[in-house]
N, C-alpha and C. Protein backbone atom coordinates (compact mmCIF):
# COMPACT_ATOMS: atom_id res chain seq x y z
N MET A 1 13.10 -6.15 -5.24
CA MET A 1 11.95 -5.94 -4.37
C MET A 1 11.96 -4.53 -3.77
N LEU A 2 13.15 -4.06 -3.39
CA LEU A 2 13.22 -2.72 -2.80
C LEU A 2 12.87 -1.64 -3.81
N GLU A 3 13.19 -1.88 -5.07
CA GLU A 3 12.81 -0.91 -6.11
C GLU A 3 11.30 -0.82 -6.23
N CYS A 4 10.62 -1.95 -6.23
CA CYS A 4 9.16 -1.94 -6.30
C CYS A 4 8.55 -1.41 -5.01
N THR A 5 9.19 -1.63 -3.89
CA THR A 5 8.71 -1.06 -2.62
C THR A 5 8.74 0.46 -2.69
N ALA A 6 9.86 1.00 -3.15
CA ALA A 6 9.98 2.46 -3.29
C ALA A 6 8.97 2.99 -4.30
N TYR A 7 8.73 2.22 -5.37
CA TYR A 7 7.76 2.63 -6.39
C TYR A 7 6.35 2.67 -5.80
N LEU A 8 5.97 1.64 -5.04
CA LEU A 8 4.65 1.61 -4.40
C LEU A 8 4.49 2.81 -3.47
N LYS A 9 5.48 3.07 -2.64
CA LYS A 9 5.39 4.20 -1.70
C LYS A 9 5.25 5.52 -2.46
N GLN A 10 6.03 5.69 -3.52
CA GLN A 10 5.97 6.92 -4.30
C GLN A 10 4.61 7.09 -4.96
N GLN A 11 4.05 6.02 -5.49
CA GLN A 11 2.75 6.10 -6.14
C GLN A 11 1.65 6.43 -5.13
N LEU A 12 1.73 5.86 -3.93
CA LEU A 12 0.76 6.21 -2.88
C LEU A 12 0.89 7.69 -2.53
N GLU A 13 2.11 8.17 -2.38
CA GLU A 13 2.32 9.59 -2.07
C GLU A 13 1.80 10.48 -3.19
N ASN A 14 1.97 10.04 -4.44
CA ASN A 14 1.52 10.82 -5.59
C ASN A 14 0.01 11.06 -5.58
N ILE A 15 -0.75 10.10 -5.04
CA ILE A 15 -2.21 10.29 -4.99
C ILE A 15 -2.67 10.81 -3.63
N GLY A 16 -1.71 11.15 -2.76
CA GLY A 16 -2.04 11.71 -1.46
C GLY A 16 -2.54 10.70 -0.45
N TRP A 17 -2.18 9.42 -0.64
CA TRP A 17 -2.63 8.37 0.28
C TRP A 17 -1.59 8.25 1.40
N PRO A 18 -1.97 8.45 2.66
CA PRO A 18 -1.01 8.38 3.75
C PRO A 18 -0.31 7.02 3.80
N CYS A 19 1.03 7.05 3.82
CA CYS A 19 1.80 5.80 3.82
C CYS A 19 3.17 6.03 4.42
N TRP A 20 3.85 4.95 4.75
CA TRP A 20 5.23 5.02 5.21
C TRP A 20 5.87 3.64 5.11
N SER A 21 7.17 3.64 5.07
CA SER A 21 7.95 2.40 5.13
C SER A 21 9.30 2.73 5.75
N ASN A 22 9.95 1.71 6.22
CA ASN A 22 11.28 1.89 6.79
C ASN A 22 12.33 1.65 5.70
N GLU A 23 13.43 2.36 5.78
CA GLU A 23 14.51 2.17 4.83
C GLU A 23 14.97 0.71 4.87
N TYR A 24 15.23 0.14 3.72
CA TYR A 24 15.68 -1.25 3.56
C TYR A 24 14.63 -2.27 3.94
N SER A 25 13.37 -1.84 4.00
CA SER A 25 12.26 -2.76 4.27
C SER A 25 11.44 -2.93 3.00
N ASN A 26 10.89 -4.10 2.81
CA ASN A 26 10.04 -4.35 1.65
C ASN A 26 8.55 -4.30 2.03
N THR A 27 8.23 -3.62 3.13
CA THR A 27 6.86 -3.48 3.59
C THR A 27 6.45 -2.02 3.55
N VAL A 28 5.26 -1.77 2.99
CA VAL A 28 4.70 -0.41 2.96
C VAL A 28 3.39 -0.43 3.74
N PHE A 29 3.27 0.44 4.72
CA PHE A 29 2.06 0.59 5.52
C PHE A 29 1.30 1.80 5.00
N PHE A 30 -0.03 1.74 5.07
CA PHE A 30 -0.84 2.85 4.57
C PHE A 30 -2.22 2.81 5.18
N LYS A 31 -2.93 3.96 5.04
CA LYS A 31 -4.32 4.06 5.51
C LYS A 31 -5.14 2.96 4.84
N ARG A 32 -5.94 2.29 5.63
CA ARG A 32 -6.73 1.17 5.10
C ARG A 32 -7.76 1.64 4.08
N PRO A 33 -7.77 1.00 2.90
CA PRO A 33 -8.79 1.32 1.90
C PRO A 33 -10.09 0.58 2.19
N SER A 34 -11.01 0.63 1.26
CA SER A 34 -12.32 -0.01 1.43
C SER A 34 -12.17 -1.53 1.62
N PRO A 35 -13.16 -2.15 2.26
CA PRO A 35 -13.13 -3.61 2.42
C PRO A 35 -13.02 -4.34 1.08
N GLU A 36 -13.63 -3.80 0.04
CA GLU A 36 -13.57 -4.45 -1.28
C GLU A 36 -12.14 -4.49 -1.81
N ILE A 37 -11.42 -3.38 -1.68
CA ILE A 37 -10.03 -3.35 -2.14
C ILE A 37 -9.16 -4.24 -1.26
N CYS A 38 -9.40 -4.21 0.04
CA CYS A 38 -8.64 -5.08 0.95
C CYS A 38 -8.81 -6.54 0.57
N HIS A 39 -10.03 -6.93 0.23
CA HIS A 39 -10.31 -8.31 -0.16
C HIS A 39 -9.70 -8.63 -1.52
N GLU A 40 -9.91 -7.75 -2.50
CA GLU A 40 -9.41 -8.00 -3.86
C GLU A 40 -7.90 -8.17 -3.89
N TYR A 41 -7.18 -7.38 -3.09
CA TYR A 41 -5.71 -7.42 -3.10
C TYR A 41 -5.13 -8.18 -1.91
N THR A 42 -6.00 -8.84 -1.14
CA THR A 42 -5.57 -9.65 0.01
C THR A 42 -4.59 -8.88 0.89
N LEU A 43 -5.02 -7.69 1.31
CA LEU A 43 -4.17 -6.84 2.12
C LEU A 43 -4.13 -7.32 3.56
N ALA A 44 -2.97 -7.20 4.18
CA ALA A 44 -2.85 -7.49 5.60
C ALA A 44 -3.35 -6.26 6.36
N LEU A 45 -4.21 -6.49 7.35
CA LEU A 45 -4.85 -5.39 8.07
C LEU A 45 -4.30 -5.27 9.48
N GLY A 46 -4.35 -4.06 10.00
CA GLY A 46 -3.92 -3.82 11.37
C GLY A 46 -4.55 -2.55 11.90
N TYR A 47 -4.25 -2.26 13.15
CA TYR A 47 -4.77 -1.06 13.80
C TYR A 47 -3.68 -0.52 14.72
N ASP A 48 -3.44 0.77 14.62
CA ASP A 48 -2.47 1.43 15.49
C ASP A 48 -2.88 2.88 15.66
N GLU A 49 -3.32 3.24 16.86
CA GLU A 49 -3.76 4.62 17.12
C GLU A 49 -2.66 5.62 16.84
N HIS A 50 -1.44 5.26 17.15
CA HIS A 50 -0.30 6.16 16.96
C HIS A 50 -0.11 6.53 15.48
N PHE A 51 -0.43 5.62 14.59
CA PHE A 51 -0.23 5.84 13.16
C PHE A 51 -1.52 6.09 12.40
N GLY A 52 -2.58 6.43 13.07
CA GLY A 52 -3.78 6.86 12.38
C GLY A 52 -4.94 5.89 12.38
N GLY A 53 -4.87 4.85 13.18
CA GLY A 53 -6.03 3.97 13.29
C GLY A 53 -5.97 2.75 12.38
N GLU A 54 -6.97 2.63 11.51
CA GLU A 54 -7.09 1.44 10.66
C GLU A 54 -6.05 1.49 9.54
N LEU A 55 -5.23 0.47 9.49
CA LEU A 55 -4.12 0.41 8.55
C LEU A 55 -4.17 -0.86 7.71
N ALA A 56 -3.39 -0.85 6.65
CA ALA A 56 -3.14 -2.04 5.84
C ALA A 56 -1.67 -1.99 5.46
N HIS A 57 -1.14 -3.12 5.02
CA HIS A 57 0.22 -3.11 4.52
C HIS A 57 0.41 -4.15 3.44
N ILE A 58 1.41 -3.89 2.62
CA ILE A 58 1.80 -4.81 1.55
C ILE A 58 3.26 -5.16 1.77
N VAL A 59 3.54 -6.46 1.79
CA VAL A 59 4.91 -6.94 1.79
C VAL A 59 5.26 -7.19 0.32
N VAL A 60 6.15 -6.38 -0.21
CA VAL A 60 6.48 -6.46 -1.63
C VAL A 60 7.46 -7.62 -1.85
N MET A 61 6.97 -8.65 -2.54
CA MET A 61 7.79 -9.82 -2.87
C MET A 61 8.02 -9.85 -4.38
N GLN A 62 8.66 -10.91 -4.87
CA GLN A 62 9.02 -11.00 -6.27
C GLN A 62 7.82 -10.91 -7.21
N HIS A 63 6.67 -11.39 -6.80
CA HIS A 63 5.50 -11.40 -7.67
C HIS A 63 4.78 -10.03 -7.74
N VAL A 64 5.19 -9.08 -6.89
CA VAL A 64 4.57 -7.75 -6.90
C VAL A 64 5.32 -6.89 -7.92
N THR A 65 4.70 -6.71 -9.08
CA THR A 65 5.31 -5.97 -10.18
C THR A 65 4.81 -4.54 -10.22
N LYS A 66 5.47 -3.70 -10.99
CA LYS A 66 5.01 -2.33 -11.16
C LYS A 66 3.63 -2.31 -11.81
N GLU A 67 3.36 -3.25 -12.68
CA GLU A 67 2.03 -3.32 -13.32
C GLU A 67 0.95 -3.61 -12.28
N LYS A 68 1.23 -4.53 -11.34
CA LYS A 68 0.26 -4.82 -10.28
C LYS A 68 0.09 -3.61 -9.36
N ILE A 69 1.19 -2.93 -9.09
CA ILE A 69 1.12 -1.73 -8.26
C ILE A 69 0.26 -0.67 -8.95
N ASP A 70 0.46 -0.48 -10.25
CA ASP A 70 -0.33 0.51 -10.99
C ASP A 70 -1.82 0.18 -10.95
N LYS A 71 -2.15 -1.11 -11.05
CA LYS A 71 -3.56 -1.52 -10.98
C LYS A 71 -4.14 -1.23 -9.59
N PHE A 72 -3.36 -1.50 -8.56
CA PHE A 72 -3.76 -1.22 -7.19
C PHE A 72 -3.98 0.29 -6.98
N ILE A 73 -3.06 1.10 -7.47
CA ILE A 73 -3.17 2.56 -7.34
C ILE A 73 -4.41 3.07 -8.07
N THR A 74 -4.70 2.51 -9.23
CA THR A 74 -5.91 2.90 -9.98
C THR A 74 -7.16 2.61 -9.15
N ALA A 75 -7.19 1.46 -8.48
CA ALA A 75 -8.33 1.11 -7.62
C ALA A 75 -8.45 2.09 -6.45
N LEU A 76 -7.33 2.44 -5.85
CA LEU A 76 -7.37 3.41 -4.74
C LEU A 76 -7.84 4.78 -5.23
N ARG A 77 -7.36 5.19 -6.37
CA ARG A 77 -7.75 6.50 -6.92
C ARG A 77 -9.26 6.55 -7.14
N ALA A 78 -9.85 5.46 -7.59
CA ALA A 78 -11.29 5.40 -7.83
C ALA A 78 -12.07 5.50 -6.52
N GLN A 79 -11.45 5.10 -5.42
CA GLN A 79 -12.10 5.14 -4.11
C GLN A 79 -12.09 6.55 -3.52
N GLN A 80 -11.15 7.39 -3.92
CA GLN A 80 -11.02 8.72 -3.33
C GLN A 80 -12.19 9.61 -3.66
């Protein structure tokens, strides 16, 4: 899970999408994408002024594969 967490964070950084995670955590926080993407990927939503306002996060579990991450990144790239 931590390998896929690091992969997700790296892919978000590669497309310039603001994100962060804590070391040894399987959660990646990032700038909230469109409502359509949030709904399609069932993203957990939040708000924190300190970290840039409207946020979303993914808890990377066993079912979150690199292939699913790549599909998610493709959707985000299309939104930019």
